[in-house]
PDB file of N, CA and C in Angstrom:
ATOM      1  N   MET A   1      30.624 -12.097   4.866  1.00  0.00           N
ATOM      2  CA  MET A   1      30.238 -13.220   5.477  1.00  0.00           C
ATOM      3  C   MET A   1      29.070 -13.832   4.252  1.00  0.00           C
ATOM      4  N   GLU A   2      28.723 -14.980   3.899  1.00  0.00           N
ATOM      5  CA  GLU A   2      28.024 -15.454   3.013  1.00  0.00           C
ATOM      6  C   GLU A   2      26.613 -16.015   3.906  1.00  0.00           C
ATOM      7  N   ILE A   3      25.516 -15.934   3.371  1.00  0.00           N
ATOM      8  CA  ILE A   3      24.449 -16.255   3.865  1.00  0.00           C
ATOM      9  C   ILE A   3      24.364 -17.784   4.438  1.00  0.00           C
ATOM     10  N   LYS A   4      24.849 -18.691   3.875  1.00  0.00           N
ATOM     11  CA  LYS A   4      25.106 -19.996   4.187  1.00  0.00           C
ATOM     12  C   LYS A   4      25.869 -19.979   5.793  1.00  0.00           C
ATOM     13  N   GLU A   5      26.929 -19.260   5.804  1.00  0.00           N
ATOM     14  CA  GLU A   5      27.764 -19.217   6.906  1.00  0.00           C
ATOM     15  C   GLU A   5      26.763 -18.571   8.154  1.00  0.00           C
ATOM     16  N   LEU A   6      26.167 -17.243   7.789  1.00  0.00           N
ATOM     17  CA  LEU A   6      25.449 -16.611   8.778  1.00  0.00           C
ATOM     18  C   LEU A   6      24.506 -17.646   9.133  1.00  0.00           C
ATOM     19  N   VAL A   7      23.886 -18.227   8.542  1.00  0.00           N
ATOM     20  CA  VAL A   7      22.802 -19.286   8.882  1.00  0.00           C
ATOM     21  C   VAL A   7      23.301 -20.513   9.943  1.00  0.00           C
ATOM     22  N   LEU A   8      24.523 -20.960   9.476  1.00  0.00           N
ATOM     23  CA  LEU A   8      25.240 -21.826  10.236  1.00  0.00           C
ATOM     24  C   LEU A   8      25.443 -21.306  11.756  1.00  0.00           C
ATOM     25  N   LYS A   9      25.963 -20.075  11.752  1.00  0.00           N
ATOM     26  CA  LYS A   9      26.381 -19.514  13.115  1.00  0.00           C
ATOM     27  C   LYS A   9      25.187 -19.184  13.713  1.00  0.00           C
ATOM     28  N   GLY A  10      24.016 -18.465  13.154  1.00  0.00           N
ATOM     29  CA  GLY A  10      22.739 -18.410  13.755  1.00  0.00           C
ATOM     30  C   GLY A  10      22.223 -19.480  14.500  1.00  0.00           C
ATOM     31  N   GLN A  11      22.307 -20.764  13.836  1.00  0.00           N
ATOM     32  CA  GLN A  11      21.612 -21.837  14.294  1.00  0.00           C
ATOM     33  C   GLN A  11      22.257 -22.579  15.174  1.00  0.00           C
ATOM     34  N   ALA A  12      23.717 -22.378  15.188  1.00  0.00           N
ATOM     35  CA  ALA A  12      24.848 -22.872  16.319  1.00  0.00           C
ATOM     36  C   ALA A  12      24.463 -22.043  17.592  1.00  0.00           C
ATOM     37  N   SER A  13      24.362 -20.602  17.573  1.00  0.00           N
ATOM     38  CA  SER A  13      23.925 -19.783  18.608  1.00  0.00           C
ATOM     39  C   SER A  13      22.606 -20.058  19.345  1.00  0.00           C
ATOM     40  N   LEU A  14      21.751 -20.379  18.326  1.00  0.00           N
ATOM     41  CA  LEU A  14      20.212 -20.891  18.875  1.00  0.00           C
ATOM     42  C   LEU A  14      20.341 -22.172  19.542  1.00  0.00           C
ATOM     43  N   ASN A  15      21.215 -23.110  19.215  1.00  0.00           N
ATOM     44  CA  ASN A  15      21.188 -24.237  19.687  1.00  0.00           C
ATOM     45  C   ASN A  15      21.813 -24.260  21.169  1.00  0.00           C
ATOM     46  N   SER A  16      22.625 -23.171  21.225  1.00  0.00           N
ATOM     47  CA  SER A  16      23.611 -23.262  22.500  1.00  0.00           C
ATOM     48  C   SER A  16      22.905 -22.122  23.430  1.00  0.00           C
ATOM     49  N   GLY A  17      21.621 -21.416  22.954  1.00  0.00           N
ATOM     50  CA  GLY A  17      20.888 -20.953  23.791  1.00  0.00           C
ATOM     51  C   GLY A  17      21.402 -19.032  23.873  1.00  0.00           C
ATOM     52  N   ASN A  18      22.353 -19.049  22.992  1.00  0.00           N
ATOM     53  CA  ASN A  18      22.635 -17.425  22.668  1.00  0.00           C
ATOM     54  C   ASN A  18      21.598 -16.852  21.707  1.00  0.00           C
ATOM     55  N   PHE A  19      20.360 -16.500  22.281  1.00  0.00           N
ATOM     56  CA  PHE A  19      19.365 -16.237  21.094  1.00  0.00           C
ATOM     57  C   PHE A  19      19.689 -14.856  20.505  1.00  0.00           C
ATOM     58  N   GLU A  20      20.053 -13.717  21.473  1.00  0.00           N
ATOM     59  CA  GLU A  20      20.363 -12.517  20.934  1.00  0.00           C
ATOM     60  C   GLU A  20      21.232 -12.440  19.918  1.00  0.00           C
ATOM     61  N   GLU A  21      22.558 -13.294  19.821  1.00  0.00           N
ATOM     62  CA  GLU A  21      23.430 -13.527  18.834  1.00  0.00           C
ATOM     63  C   GLU A  21      22.995 -14.205  17.509  1.00  0.00           C
ATOM     64  N   SER A  22      21.881 -15.169  17.877  1.00  0.00           N
ATOM     65  CA  SER A  22      21.429 -15.957  16.757  1.00  0.00           C
ATOM     66  C   SER A  22      20.647 -14.806  15.941  1.00  0.00           C
ATOM     67  N   LEU A  23      19.959 -14.161  16.624  1.00  0.00           N
ATOM     68  CA  LEU A  23      18.913 -13.285  16.109  1.00  0.00           C
ATOM     69  C   LEU A  23      19.789 -12.211  15.151  1.00  0.00           C
ATOM     70  N   GLY A  24      21.020 -11.624  15.689  1.00  0.00           N
ATOM     71  CA  GLY A  24      21.776 -10.993  14.741  1.00  0.00           C
ATOM     72  C   GLY A  24      22.328 -11.715  13.481  1.00  0.00           C
ATOM     73  N   TYR A  25      22.779 -12.828  13.783  1.00  0.00           N
ATOM     74  CA  TYR A  25      23.324 -13.597  12.549  1.00  0.00           C
ATOM     75  C   TYR A  25      22.012 -13.814  11.480  1.00  0.00           C
ATOM     76  N   PHE A  26      20.804 -13.928  11.878  1.00  0.00           N
ATOM     77  CA  PHE A  26      19.643 -14.258  10.815  1.00  0.00           C
ATOM     78  C   PHE A  26      19.484 -12.717  10.501  1.00  0.00           C
ATOM     79  N   GLU A  27      19.472 -11.675  11.153  1.00  0.00           N
ATOM     80  CA  GLU A  27      19.182 -10.559  10.737  1.00  0.00           C
ATOM     81  C   GLU A  27      20.230 -10.062   9.464  1.00  0.00           C
ATOM     82  N   GLN A  28      21.650 -10.359   9.596  1.00  0.00           N
ATOM     83  CA  GLN A  28      22.561  -9.884   8.605  1.00  0.00           C
ATOM     84  C   GLN A  28      22.131 -10.761   7.434  1.00  0.00           C
ATOM     85  N   ALA A  29      21.660 -12.256   7.455  1.00  0.00           N
ATOM     86  CA  ALA A  29      21.366 -12.963   6.453  1.00  0.00           C
ATOM     87  C   ALA A  29      20.323 -12.257   5.762  1.00  0.00           C
ATOM     88  N   LEU A  30      19.264 -11.771   6.335  1.00  0.00           N
ATOM     89  CA  LEU A  30      18.193 -11.095   5.774  1.00  0.00           C
ATOM     90  C   LEU A  30      18.439  -9.911   4.992  1.00  0.00           C
ATOM     91  N   LEU A  31      19.558  -9.348   5.360  1.00  0.00           N
ATOM     92  CA  LEU A  31      19.961  -8.115   4.491  1.00  0.00           C
ATOM     93  C   LEU A  31      20.651  -8.343   3.539  1.00  0.00           C
ATOM     94  N   LEU A  32      21.029  -9.748   3.138  1.00  0.00           N
ATOM     95  CA  LEU A  32      21.430 -10.028   2.020  1.00  0.00           C
ATOM     96  C   LEU A  32      20.425 -10.815   0.960  1.00  0.00           C
ATOM     97  N   ASN A  33      19.363 -11.239   1.656  1.00  0.00           N
ATOM     98  CA  ASN A  33      18.191 -11.830   0.800  1.00  0.00           C
ATOM     99  C   ASN A  33      16.901 -11.749   1.820  1.00  0.00           C
ATOM    100  N   GLN A  34      16.015 -10.869   1.227  1.00  0.00           N
ATOM    101  CA  GLN A  34      14.735 -10.738   2.284  1.00  0.00           C
ATOM    102  C   GLN A  34      13.590 -11.479   1.476  1.00  0.00           C
ATOM    103  N   ASP A  35      14.012 -12.469   0.406  1.00  0.00           N
ATOM    104  CA  ASP A  35      12.946 -13.237  -0.304  1.00  0.00           C
ATOM    105  C   ASP A  35      13.271 -14.677   0.186  1.00  0.00           C
ATOM    106  N   ASP A  36      13.757 -14.925   1.083  1.00  0.00           N
ATOM    107  CA  ASP A  36      14.126 -16.260   1.449  1.00  0.00           C
ATOM    108  C   ASP A  36      12.987 -16.509   2.789  1.00  0.00           C
ATOM    109  N   PRO A  37      12.057 -17.531   2.554  1.00  0.00           N
ATOM    110  CA  PRO A  37      11.349 -17.808   3.676  1.00  0.00           C
ATOM    111  C   PRO A  37      11.806 -18.553   4.897  1.00  0.00           C
ATOM    112  N   ASP A  38      13.006 -19.241   4.718  1.00  0.00           N
ATOM    113  CA  ASP A  38      13.494 -20.099   5.594  1.00  0.00           C
ATOM    114  C   ASP A  38      14.447 -18.881   6.644  1.00  0.00           C
ATOM    115  N   LEU A  39      14.892 -17.969   5.957  1.00  0.00           N
ATOM    116  CA  LEU A  39      15.605 -16.891   6.819  1.00  0.00           C
ATOM    117  C   LEU A  39      14.508 -15.977   7.765  1.00  0.00           C
ATOM    118  N   TRP A  40      13.444 -15.932   7.115  1.00  0.00           N
ATOM    119  CA  TRP A  40      12.452 -15.330   8.122  1.00  0.00           C
ATOM    120  C   TRP A  40      11.888 -16.235   9.054  1.00  0.00           C
ATOM    121  N   ASN A  41      11.826 -17.510   8.837  1.00  0.00           N
ATOM    122  CA  ASN A  41      11.628 -18.543   9.649  1.00  0.00           C
ATOM    123  C   ASN A  41      12.556 -18.456  11.116  1.00  0.00           C
ATOM    124  N   PHE A  42      13.844 -18.600  10.615  1.00  0.00           N
ATOM    125  CA  PHE A  42      14.821 -18.603  11.436  1.00  0.00           C
ATOM    126  C   PHE A  42      14.843 -17.369  12.335  1.00  0.00           C
ATOM    127  N   LYS A  43      14.703 -16.258  11.871  1.00  0.00           N
ATOM    128  CA  LYS A  43      14.701 -15.029  12.759  1.00  0.00           C
ATOM    129  C   LYS A  43      13.315 -15.128  13.762  1.00  0.00           C
ATOM    130  N   ALA A  44      12.273 -15.840  13.070  1.00  0.00           N
ATOM    131  CA  ALA A  44      11.101 -15.944  13.988  1.00  0.00           C
ATOM    132  C   ALA A  44      11.423 -16.590  14.981  1.00  0.00           C
ATOM    133  N   VAL A  45      12.109 -17.828  15.067  1.00  0.00           N
ATOM    134  CA  VAL A  45      12.334 -18.716  15.968  1.00  0.00           C
ATOM    135  C   VAL A  45      13.310 -18.068  17.240  1.00  0.00           C
ATOM    136  N   ALA A  46      14.170 -17.366  16.706  1.00  0.00           N
ATOM    137  CA  ALA A  46      15.117 -16.477  17.399  1.00  0.00           C
ATOM    138  C   ALA A  46      14.285 -15.589  18.506  1.00  0.00           C
ATOM    139  N   LEU A  47      13.442 -14.861  17.728  1.00  0.00           N
ATOM    140  CA  LEU A  47      12.554 -13.851  18.375  1.00  0.00           C
ATOM    141  C   LEU A  47      11.747 -14.569  19.248  1.00  0.00           C
ATOM    142  N   ARG A  48      11.038 -15.661  19.017  1.00  0.00           N
ATOM    143  CA  ARG A  48      10.085 -16.537  19.962  1.00  0.00           C
ATOM    144  C   ARG A  48      10.897 -16.926  21.082  1.00  0.00           C
ATOM    145  N   SER A  49      12.079 -17.399  20.900  1.00  0.00           N
ATOM    146  CA  SER A  49      13.055 -18.006  21.866  1.00  0.00           C
ATOM    147  C   SER A  49      13.299 -16.715  23.078  1.00  0.00           C
ATOM    148  N   LEU A  50      13.276 -15.508  22.387  1.00  0.00           N
ATOM    149  CA  LEU A  50      13.684 -14.243  23.293  1.00  0.00           C
ATOM    150  C   LEU A  50      12.320 -13.773  23.891  1.00  0.00           C
ATOM    151  N   GLY A  51      11.128 -14.436  23.653  1.00  0.00           N
ATOM    152  CA  GLY A  51       9.864 -13.785  24.113  1.00  0.00           C
ATOM    153  C   GLY A  51       9.333 -12.765  23.748  1.00  0.00           C
ATOM    154  N   ARG A  52       9.852 -12.436  22.413  1.00  0.00           N
ATOM    155  CA  ARG A  52       9.256 -11.321  21.418  1.00  0.00           C
ATOM    156  C   ARG A  52       8.226 -12.010  20.520  1.00  0.00           C
ATOM    157  N   TYR A  53       7.039 -12.294  21.086  1.00  0.00           N
ATOM    158  CA  TYR A  53       5.980 -12.895  20.277  1.00  0.00           C
ATOM    159  C   TYR A  53       5.264 -12.331  18.946  1.00  0.00           C
ATOM    160  N   GLU A  54       5.164 -11.075  19.567  1.00  0.00           N
ATOM    161  CA  GLU A  54       4.615 -10.297  18.326  1.00  0.00           C
ATOM    162  C   GLU A  54       5.404 -10.136  17.082  1.00  0.00           C
ATOM    163  N   GLU A  55       6.838  -9.763  17.461  1.00  0.00           N
ATOM    164  CA  GLU A  55       7.734  -9.700  16.103  1.00  0.00           C
ATOM    165  C   GLU A  55       7.916 -11.271  15.423  1.00  0.00           C
ATOM    166  N   ALA A  56       8.030 -12.311  16.557  1.00  0.00           N
ATOM    167  CA  ALA A  56       8.206 -13.583  16.075  1.00  0.00           C
ATOM    168  C   ALA A  56       6.856 -13.972  15.072  1.00  0.00           C
ATOM    169  N   LEU A  57       5.681 -13.550  15.293  1.00  0.00           N
ATOM    170  CA  LEU A  57       4.449 -13.846  14.558  1.00  0.00           C
ATOM    171  C   LEU A  57       4.543 -13.089  13.183  1.00  0.00           C
ATOM    172  N   GLU A  58       5.109 -11.775  13.275  1.00  0.00           N
ATOM    173  CA  GLU A  58       5.266 -11.192  12.116  1.00  0.00           C
ATOM    174  C   GLU A  58       6.174 -11.847  10.985  1.00  0.00           C
ATOM    175  N   CYS A  59       7.307 -12.237  11.506  1.00  0.00           N
ATOM    176  CA  CYS A  59       8.146 -13.006  10.673  1.00  0.00           C
ATOM    177  C   CYS A  59       7.628 -14.448  10.386  1.00  0.00           C
ATOM    178  N   PHE A  60       7.036 -15.206  11.257  1.00  0.00           N
ATOM    179  CA  PHE A  60       6.525 -16.375  10.651  1.00  0.00           C
ATOM    180  C   PHE A  60       5.297 -15.994   9.489  1.00  0.00           C
ATOM    181  N   ASN A  61       4.790 -15.095   9.848  1.00  0.00           N
ATOM    182  CA  ASN A  61       3.865 -14.575   8.617  1.00  0.00           C
ATOM    183  C   ASN A  61       4.371 -14.185   7.321  1.00  0.00           C
ATOM    184  N   LYS A  62       5.610 -13.518   7.614  1.00  0.00           N
ATOM    185  CA  LYS A  62       6.378 -13.007   6.328  1.00  0.00           C
ATOM    186  C   LYS A  62       6.809 -14.369   5.616  1.00  0.00           C
ATOM    187  N   SER A  63       7.364 -15.306   6.414  1.00  0.00           N
ATOM    188  CA  SER A  63       7.914 -16.673   5.806  1.00  0.00           C
ATOM    189  C   SER A  63       6.534 -17.357   5.187  1.00  0.00           C
ATOM    190  N   LEU A  64       5.595 -17.351   5.949  1.00  0.00           N
ATOM    191  CA  LEU A  64       4.307 -17.956   5.051  1.00  0.00           C
ATOM    192  C   LEU A  64       3.871 -17.119   3.688  1.00  0.00           C
ATOM    193  N   LYS A  65       3.992 -15.921   3.821  1.00  0.00           N
ATOM    194  CA  LYS A  65       3.494 -15.102   2.588  1.00  0.00           C
ATOM    195  C   LYS A  65       4.558 -15.401   1.238  1.00  0.00           C
ATOM    196  N   LEU A  66       5.861 -15.601   1.766  1.00  0.00           N
ATOM    197  CA  LEU A  66       6.816 -15.774   0.478  1.00  0.00           C
ATOM    198  C   LEU A  66       6.427 -17.135   0.013  1.00  0.00           C
ATOM    199  N   ASP A  67       6.363 -17.962   0.975  1.00  0.00           N
ATOM    200  CA  ASP A  67       6.063 -19.511   0.613  1.00  0.00           C
ATOM    201  C   ASP A  67       4.978 -20.279   1.398  1.00  0.00           C
ATOM    202  N   PRO A  68       3.599 -19.961   0.816  1.00  0.00           N
ATOM    203  CA  PRO A  68       2.482 -20.629   1.744  1.00  0.00           C
ATOM    204  C   PRO A  68       2.641 -22.117   2.080  1.00  0.00           C
ATOM    205  N   ARG A  69       3.330 -22.715   1.242  1.00  0.00           N
ATOM    206  CA  ARG A  69       3.610 -24.333   1.599  1.00  0.00           C
ATOM    207  C   ARG A  69       4.695 -24.570   2.406  1.00  0.00           C
ATOM    208  N   ASP A  70       5.381 -23.585   3.058  1.00  0.00           N
ATOM    209  CA  ASP A  70       6.469 -23.615   3.874  1.00  0.00           C
ATOM    210  C   ASP A  70       6.134 -24.535   4.978  1.00  0.00           C
ATOM    211  N   LYS A  71       6.827 -25.633   4.873  1.00  0.00           N
ATOM    212  CA  LYS A  71       6.555 -26.503   5.887  1.00  0.00           C
ATOM    213  C   LYS A  71       7.306 -26.273   7.285  1.00  0.00           C
ATOM    214  N   HIS A  72       8.342 -25.451   7.103  1.00  0.00           N
ATOM    215  CA  HIS A  72       9.173 -25.290   8.483  1.00  0.00           C
ATOM    216  C   HIS A  72       8.610 -24.184   9.094  1.00  0.00           C
ATOM    217  N   ALA A  73       7.503 -23.315   8.711  1.00  0.00           N
ATOM    218  CA  ALA A  73       7.056 -22.225   9.324  1.00  0.00           C
ATOM    219  C   ALA A  73       6.040 -22.888  10.561  1.00  0.00           C
ATOM    220  N   SER A  74       6.116 -22.472  11.827  1.00  0.00           N
ATOM    221  CA  SER A  74       5.479 -23.089  12.819  1.00  0.00           C
ATOM    222  C   SER A  74       4.648 -21.997  13.419  1.00  0.00           C
TER     223      SER A  74
END
């Protein structure tokens, strides 16, 4: 599966409240490209939705480290 498809499936899962499933898609995407700040941000949102705040914060920070001007990191 390509990164774009994984992200789309991850976002759809996130939007429908399937946070564990969305996390899996984002983690698969990150296995293909760990240098994309958006992927780290998506993973962070999924983790935050699961109440896994420490891990989410680490992912948000990784996103910002890769792109300090990343306007999507929250």
